Amino acid sequence: MSLTYYLLAAFLLSKAIAFGYYVEGMRFAIYSSPNPAPASPSILVCLGYFLLQRYEFIYFIVINRDFSNGN
């Protein structure tokens, strides 16, 4: 197995974990009490998920460089 496939697997796993935290945080915010304080962890989870989306291109740059080397 090439390093590319390990990077791709780690990338997809991190996306799945982040999306799981995002969904769980949104569900926690929706079903929590009307007090706005319990919704604050979900805001952090949403920010983390969108930051992961923002830096997604770094993974693809690394993967494309690995492909261009002929692996």
PDB file of N, CA and C in Angstrom:
ATOM      1  N   MET A   1       0.848  -1.200   0.000  1.00  0.00           N
ATOM      2  CA  MET A   1       0.000   0.000   0.000  1.00  0.00           C
ATOM      3  C   MET A   1       0.882   1.248   0.000  1.00  0.00           C
ATOM      4  N   SER A   2       0.530   2.153  -0.853  1.00  0.00           N
ATOM      5  CA  SER A   2       1.304   3.386  -0.974  1.00  0.00           C
ATOM      6  C   SER A   2       0.926   4.370   0.125  1.00  0.00           C
ATOM      7  N   LEU A   3       1.795   5.314   0.322  1.00  0.00           N
ATOM      8  CA  LEU A   3       1.534   6.376   1.300  1.00  0.00           C
ATOM      9  C   LEU A   3       0.297   7.178   0.920  1.00  0.00           C
ATOM     10  N   THR A   4       0.015   7.261  -0.362  1.00  0.00           N
ATOM     11  CA  THR A   4      -1.155   8.003  -0.829  1.00  0.00           C
ATOM     12  C   THR A   4      -2.436   7.422  -0.259  1.00  0.00           C
ATOM     13  N   TYR A   5      -2.547   6.102  -0.257  1.00  0.00           N
ATOM     14  CA  TYR A   5      -3.772   5.480   0.227  1.00  0.00           C
ATOM     15  C   TYR A   5      -3.924   5.658   1.729  1.00  0.00           C
ATOM     16  N   TYR A   6      -2.809   5.631   2.466  1.00  0.00           N
ATOM     17  CA  TYR A   6      -2.897   5.887   3.902  1.00  0.00           C
ATOM     18  C   TYR A   6      -3.317   7.325   4.173  1.00  0.00           C
ATOM     19  N   LEU A   7      -2.791   8.269   3.393  1.00  0.00           N
ATOM     20  CA  LEU A   7      -3.199   9.665   3.555  1.00  0.00           C
ATOM     21  C   LEU A   7      -4.678   9.842   3.213  1.00  0.00           C
ATOM     22  N   LEU A   8      -5.115   9.190   2.160  1.00  0.00           N
ATOM     23  CA  LEU A   8      -6.513   9.301   1.761  1.00  0.00           C
ATOM     24  C   LEU A   8      -7.426   8.684   2.822  1.00  0.00           C
ATOM     25  N   ALA A   9      -7.033   7.537   3.369  1.00  0.00           N
ATOM     26  CA  ALA A   9      -7.841   6.902   4.408  1.00  0.00           C
ATOM     27  C   ALA A   9      -7.895   7.775   5.667  1.00  0.00           C
ATOM     28  N   ALA A  10      -6.762   8.348   6.062  1.00  0.00           N
ATOM     29  CA  ALA A  10      -6.748   9.223   7.238  1.00  0.00           C
ATOM     30  C   ALA A  10      -7.588  10.466   6.992  1.00  0.00           C
ATOM     31  N   PHE A  11      -7.534  10.988   5.771  1.00  0.00           N
ATOM     32  CA  PHE A  11      -8.315  12.170   5.423  1.00  0.00           C
ATOM     33  C   PHE A  11      -9.815  11.870   5.503  1.00  0.00           C
ATOM     34  N   LEU A  12     -10.232  10.754   4.904  1.00  0.00           N
ATOM     35  CA  LEU A  12     -11.654  10.417   4.916  1.00  0.00           C
ATOM     36  C   LEU A  12     -12.141  10.104   6.323  1.00  0.00           C
ATOM     37  N   LEU A  13     -11.297   9.457   7.126  1.00  0.00           N
ATOM     38  CA  LEU A  13     -11.674   9.170   8.511  1.00  0.00           C
ATOM     39  C   LEU A  13     -11.828  10.455   9.305  1.00  0.00           C
ATOM     40  N   SER A  14     -10.922  11.410   9.098  1.00  0.00           N
ATOM     41  CA  SER A  14     -11.035  12.681   9.821  1.00  0.00           C
ATOM     42  C   SER A  14     -12.282  13.440   9.378  1.00  0.00           C
ATOM     43  N   LYS A  15     -12.627  13.357   8.088  1.00  0.00           N
ATOM     44  CA  LYS A  15     -13.849  14.007   7.621  1.00  0.00           C
ATOM     45  C   LYS A  15     -15.081  13.363   8.255  1.00  0.00           C
ATOM     46  N   ALA A  16     -15.085  12.032   8.334  1.00  0.00           N
ATOM     47  CA  ALA A  16     -16.234  11.348   8.916  1.00  0.00           C
ATOM     48  C   ALA A  16     -16.372  11.670  10.404  1.00  0.00           C
ATOM     49  N   ILE A  17     -15.252  11.703  11.120  1.00  0.00           N
ATOM     50  CA  ILE A  17     -15.302  12.020  12.549  1.00  0.00           C
ATOM     51  C   ILE A  17     -15.771  13.460  12.761  1.00  0.00           C
ATOM     52  N   ALA A  18     -15.238  14.382  11.954  1.00  0.00           N
ATOM     53  CA  ALA A  18     -15.638  15.783  12.093  1.00  0.00           C
ATOM     54  C   ALA A  18     -17.111  15.968  11.760  1.00  0.00           C
ATOM     55  N   PHE A  19     -17.589  15.265  10.741  1.00  0.00           N
ATOM     56  CA  PHE A  19     -18.999  15.394  10.389  1.00  0.00           C
ATOM     57  C   PHE A  19     -19.881  14.786  11.473  1.00  0.00           C
ATOM     58  N   GLY A  20     -19.408  13.703  12.082  1.00  0.00           N
ATOM     59  CA  GLY A  20     -20.154  13.116  13.197  1.00  0.00           C
ATOM     60  C   GLY A  20     -20.256  14.068  14.372  1.00  0.00           C
ATOM     61  N   TYR A  21     -19.160  14.723  14.709  1.00  0.00           N
ATOM     62  CA  TYR A  21     -19.190  15.718  15.778  1.00  0.00           C
ATOM     63  C   TYR A  21     -20.089  16.889  15.402  1.00  0.00           C
ATOM     64  N   TYR A  22     -20.076  17.275  14.132  1.00  0.00           N
ATOM     65  CA  TYR A  22     -20.915  18.382  13.667  1.00  0.00           C
ATOM     66  C   TYR A  22     -22.393  18.039  13.828  1.00  0.00           C
ATOM     67  N   VAL A  23     -22.778  16.835  13.376  1.00  0.00           N
ATOM     68  CA  VAL A  23     -24.181  16.419  13.472  1.00  0.00           C
ATOM     69  C   VAL A  23     -24.586  16.281  14.932  1.00  0.00           C
ATOM     70  N   GLU A  24     -23.709  15.685  15.732  1.00  0.00           N
ATOM     71  CA  GLU A  24     -24.020  15.508  17.146  1.00  0.00           C
ATOM     72  C   GLU A  24     -24.149  16.854  17.851  1.00  0.00           C
ATOM     73  N   GLY A  25     -23.295  17.804  17.487  1.00  0.00           N
ATOM     74  CA  GLY A  25     -23.391  19.131  18.088  1.00  0.00           C
ATOM     75  C   GLY A  25     -24.659  19.852  17.683  1.00  0.00           C
ATOM     76  N   MET A  26     -25.058  19.709  16.420  1.00  0.00           N
ATOM     77  CA  MET A  26     -26.305  20.340  15.983  1.00  0.00           C
ATOM     78  C   MET A  26     -27.500  19.694  16.669  1.00  0.00           C
ATOM     79  N   ARG A  27     -27.467  18.374  16.816  1.00  0.00           N
ATOM     80  CA  ARG A  27     -28.566  17.688  17.494  1.00  0.00           C
ATOM     81  C   ARG A  27     -28.631  18.096  18.962  1.00  0.00           C
ATOM     82  N   PHE A  28     -27.461  18.260  19.573  1.00  0.00           N
ATOM     83  CA  PHE A  28     -27.403  18.704  20.965  1.00  0.00           C
ATOM     84  C   PHE A  28     -27.953  20.118  21.093  1.00  0.00           C
ATOM     85  N   ALA A  29     -27.653  20.983  20.113  1.00  0.00           N
ATOM     86  CA  ALA A  29     -28.146  22.356  20.166  1.00  0.00           C
ATOM     87  C   ALA A  29     -29.653  22.409  19.965  1.00  0.00           C
ATOM     88  N   ILE A  30     -30.175  21.529  19.102  1.00  0.00           N
ATOM     89  CA  ILE A  30     -31.611  21.560  18.809  1.00  0.00           C
ATOM     90  C   ILE A  30     -32.404  21.017  20.004  1.00  0.00           C
ATOM     91  N   TYR A  31     -31.931  19.914  20.594  1.00  0.00           N
ATOM     92  CA  TYR A  31     -32.716  19.262  21.638  1.00  0.00           C
ATOM     93  C   TYR A  31     -32.339  19.710  23.044  1.00  0.00           C
ATOM     94  N   SER A  32     -31.439  20.684  23.163  1.00  0.00           N
ATOM     95  CA  SER A  32     -31.087  21.139  24.503  1.00  0.00           C
ATOM     96  C   SER A  32     -32.146  22.112  25.013  1.00  0.00           C
ATOM     97  N   SER A  33     -31.953  22.585  26.221  1.00  0.00           N
ATOM     98  CA  SER A  33     -32.910  23.493  26.836  1.00  0.00           C
ATOM     99  C   SER A  33     -32.892  24.846  26.119  1.00  0.00           C
ATOM    100  N   PRO A  34     -33.914  25.671  26.321  1.00  0.00           N
ATOM    101  CA  PRO A  34     -33.942  26.982  25.656  1.00  0.00           C
ATOM    102  C   PRO A  34     -32.827  27.930  26.102  1.00  0.00           C
ATOM    103  N   ASN A  35     -32.149  27.597  27.186  1.00  0.00           N
ATOM    104  CA  ASN A  35     -31.031  28.424  27.635  1.00  0.00           C
ATOM    105  C   ASN A  35     -29.930  28.395  26.561  1.00  0.00           C
ATOM    106  N   PRO A  36     -29.433  29.545  26.108  1.00  0.00           N
ATOM    107  CA  PRO A  36     -28.436  29.527  25.015  1.00  0.00           C
ATOM    108  C   PRO A  36     -27.059  29.005  25.433  1.00  0.00           C
ATOM    109  N   ALA A  37     -26.811  28.856  26.728  1.00  0.00           N
ATOM    110  CA  ALA A  37     -25.486  28.411  27.172  1.00  0.00           C
ATOM    111  C   ALA A  37     -25.150  26.981  26.730  1.00  0.00           C
ATOM    112  N   PRO A  38     -26.061  25.989  26.788  1.00  0.00           N
ATOM    113  CA  PRO A  38     -25.659  24.640  26.362  1.00  0.00           C
ATOM    114  C   PRO A  38     -25.360  24.529  24.872  1.00  0.00           C
ATOM    115  N   ALA A  39     -25.747  25.522  24.076  1.00  0.00           N
ATOM    116  CA  ALA A  39     -25.510  25.435  22.637  1.00  0.00           C
ATOM    117  C   ALA A  39     -24.096  25.853  22.258  1.00  0.00           C
ATOM    118  N   SER A  40     -23.309  26.337  23.218  1.00  0.00           N
ATOM    119  CA  SER A  40     -21.984  26.829  22.868  1.00  0.00           C
ATOM    120  C   SER A  40     -21.023  25.736  22.395  1.00  0.00           C
ATOM    121  N   PRO A  41     -21.048  24.499  22.914  1.00  0.00           N
ATOM    122  CA  PRO A  41     -20.137  23.488  22.344  1.00  0.00           C
ATOM    123  C   PRO A  41     -20.418  23.201  20.876  1.00  0.00           C
ATOM    124  N   SER A  42     -21.686  23.255  20.467  1.00  0.00           N
ATOM    125  CA  SER A  42     -21.997  22.959  19.070  1.00  0.00           C
ATOM    126  C   SER A  42     -21.441  24.039  18.148  1.00  0.00           C
ATOM    127  N   ILE A  43     -21.348  25.276  18.646  1.00  0.00           N
ATOM    128  CA  ILE A  43     -20.758  26.344  17.830  1.00  0.00           C
ATOM    129  C   ILE A  43     -19.284  26.031  17.579  1.00  0.00           C
ATOM    130  N   LEU A  44     -18.591  25.559  18.623  1.00  0.00           N
ATOM    131  CA  LEU A  44     -17.184  25.187  18.451  1.00  0.00           C
ATOM    132  C   LEU A  44     -17.043  24.015  17.491  1.00  0.00           C
ATOM    133  N   VAL A  45     -17.966  23.063  17.575  1.00  0.00           N
ATOM    134  CA  VAL A  45     -17.925  21.909  16.668  1.00  0.00           C
ATOM    135  C   VAL A  45     -18.145  22.350  15.226  1.00  0.00           C
ATOM    136  N   CYS A  46     -19.094  23.270  15.015  1.00  0.00           N
ATOM    137  CA  CYS A  46     -19.340  23.778  13.662  1.00  0.00           C
ATOM    138  C   CYS A  46     -18.114  24.508  13.128  1.00  0.00           C
ATOM    139  N   LEU A  47     -17.479  25.311  13.983  1.00  0.00           N
ATOM    140  CA  LEU A  47     -16.273  26.016  13.550  1.00  0.00           C
ATOM    141  C   LEU A  47     -15.167  25.034  13.182  1.00  0.00           C
ATOM    142  N   GLY A  48     -15.022  23.976  13.976  1.00  0.00           N
ATOM    143  CA  GLY A  48     -14.008  22.974  13.668  1.00  0.00           C
ATOM    144  C   GLY A  48     -14.278  22.274  12.349  1.00  0.00           C
ATOM    145  N   TYR A  49     -15.560  21.978  12.098  1.00  0.00           N
ATOM    146  CA  TYR A  49     -15.896  21.308  10.846  1.00  0.00           C
ATOM    147  C   TYR A  49     -15.627  22.210   9.645  1.00  0.00           C
ATOM    148  N   PHE A  50     -15.991  23.480   9.763  1.00  0.00           N
ATOM    149  CA  PHE A  50     -15.773  24.384   8.633  1.00  0.00           C
ATOM    150  C   PHE A  50     -14.295  24.700   8.441  1.00  0.00           C
ATOM    151  N   LEU A  51     -13.510  24.705   9.532  1.00  0.00           N
ATOM    152  CA  LEU A  51     -12.063  24.860   9.370  1.00  0.00           C
ATOM    153  C   LEU A  51     -11.473  23.659   8.650  1.00  0.00           C
ATOM    154  N   LEU A  52     -12.010  22.467   8.943  1.00  0.00           N
ATOM    155  CA  LEU A  52     -11.540  21.279   8.238  1.00  0.00           C
ATOM    156  C   LEU A  52     -11.868  21.382   6.748  1.00  0.00           C
ATOM    157  N   GLN A  53     -13.055  21.909   6.422  1.00  0.00           N
ATOM    158  CA  GLN A  53     -13.401  22.118   5.024  1.00  0.00           C
ATOM    159  C   GLN A  53     -12.446  23.127   4.375  1.00  0.00           C
ATOM    160  N   ARG A  54     -12.049  24.142   5.151  1.00  0.00           N
ATOM    161  CA  ARG A  54     -11.216  25.222   4.603  1.00  0.00           C
ATOM    162  C   ARG A  54      -9.837  24.701   4.237  1.00  0.00           C
ATOM    163  N   TYR A  55      -9.261  23.816   5.057  1.00  0.00           N
ATOM    164  CA  TYR A  55      -7.902  23.329   4.827  1.00  0.00           C
ATOM    165  C   TYR A  55      -7.875  21.989   4.104  1.00  0.00           C
ATOM    166  N   GLU A  56      -8.992  21.668   3.462  1.00  0.00           N
ATOM    167  CA  GLU A  56      -9.093  20.405   2.732  1.00  0.00           C
ATOM    168  C   GLU A  56      -8.112  20.357   1.565  1.00  0.00           C
ATOM    169  N   PHE A  57      -7.814  21.499   0.967  1.00  0.00           N
ATOM    170  CA  PHE A  57      -6.952  21.527  -0.218  1.00  0.00           C
ATOM    171  C   PHE A  57      -5.529  21.083   0.118  1.00  0.00           C
ATOM    172  N   ILE A  58      -5.115  21.203   1.381  1.00  0.00           N
ATOM    173  CA  ILE A  58      -3.759  20.782   1.755  1.00  0.00           C
ATOM    174  C   ILE A  58      -3.618  19.272   1.552  1.00  0.00           C
ATOM    175  N   TYR A  59      -4.659  18.508   1.915  1.00  0.00           N
ATOM    176  CA  TYR A  59      -4.613  17.065   1.714  1.00  0.00           C
ATOM    177  C   TYR A  59      -4.488  16.727   0.231  1.00  0.00           C
ATOM    178  N   PHE A  60      -5.250  17.438  -0.600  1.00  0.00           N
ATOM    179  CA  PHE A  60      -5.230  17.118  -2.019  1.00  0.00           C
ATOM    180  C   PHE A  60      -3.912  17.537  -2.665  1.00  0.00           C
ATOM    181  N   ILE A  61      -3.290  18.599  -2.174  1.00  0.00           N
ATOM    182  CA  ILE A  61      -1.968  18.966  -2.692  1.00  0.00           C
ATOM    183  C   ILE A  61      -0.969  17.849  -2.391  1.00  0.00           C
ATOM    184  N   VAL A  62      -1.014  17.324  -1.165  1.00  0.00           N
ATOM    185  CA  VAL A  62      -0.099  16.244  -0.786  1.00  0.00           C
ATOM    186  C   VAL A  62      -0.373  14.996  -1.619  1.00  0.00           C
ATOM    187  N   ILE A  63      -1.647  14.665  -1.807  1.00  0.00           N
ATOM    188  CA  ILE A  63      -1.998  13.455  -2.555  1.00  0.00           C
ATOM    189  C   ILE A  63      -1.607  13.610  -4.029  1.00  0.00           C
ATOM    190  N   ASN A  64      -1.867  14.784  -4.601  1.00  0.00           N
ATOM    191  CA  ASN A  64      -1.521  14.995  -6.008  1.00  0.00           C
ATOM    192  C   ASN A  64      -0.011  14.959  -6.221  1.00  0.00           C
ATOM    193  N   ARG A  65       0.751  15.463  -5.267  1.00  0.00           N
ATOM    194  CA  ARG A  65       2.204  15.419  -5.392  1.00  0.00           C
ATOM    195  C   ARG A  65       2.675  13.959  -5.352  1.00  0.00           C
ATOM    196  N   ASP A  66       2.009  13.154  -4.522  1.00  0.00           N
ATOM    197  CA  ASP A  66       2.384  11.752  -4.448  1.00  0.00           C
ATOM    198  C   ASP A  66       2.049  11.043  -5.766  1.00  0.00           C
ATOM    199  N   PHE A  67       0.912  11.369  -6.362  1.00  0.00           N
ATOM    200  CA  PHE A  67       0.547  10.773  -7.639  1.00  0.00           C
ATOM    201  C   PHE A  67       1.510  11.205  -8.745  1.00  0.00           C
ATOM    202  N   SER A  68       1.964  12.454  -8.701  1.00  0.00           N
ATOM    203  CA  SER A  68       2.840  12.935  -9.765  1.00  0.00           C
ATOM    204  C   SER A  68       4.217  12.277  -9.710  1.00  0.00           C
ATOM    205  N   ASN A  69       4.568  11.700  -8.542  1.00  0.00           N
ATOM    206  CA  ASN A  69       5.842  10.987  -8.448  1.00  0.00           C
ATOM    207  C   ASN A  69       5.752   9.581  -9.035  1.00  0.00           C
ATOM    208  N   GLY A  70       4.570   9.156  -9.421  1.00  0.00           N
ATOM    209  CA  GLY A  70       4.414   7.860 -10.061  1.00  0.00           C
ATOM    210  C   GLY A  70       4.023   6.746  -9.120  1.00  0.00           C
ATOM    211  N   ASN A  71       3.587   7.062  -7.903  1.00  0.00           N
ATOM    212  CA  ASN A  71       3.196   6.007  -6.955  1.00  0.00           C
ATOM    213  C   ASN A  71       1.764   5.589  -7.203  1.00  0.00           C
TER     214      ASN A  71
END
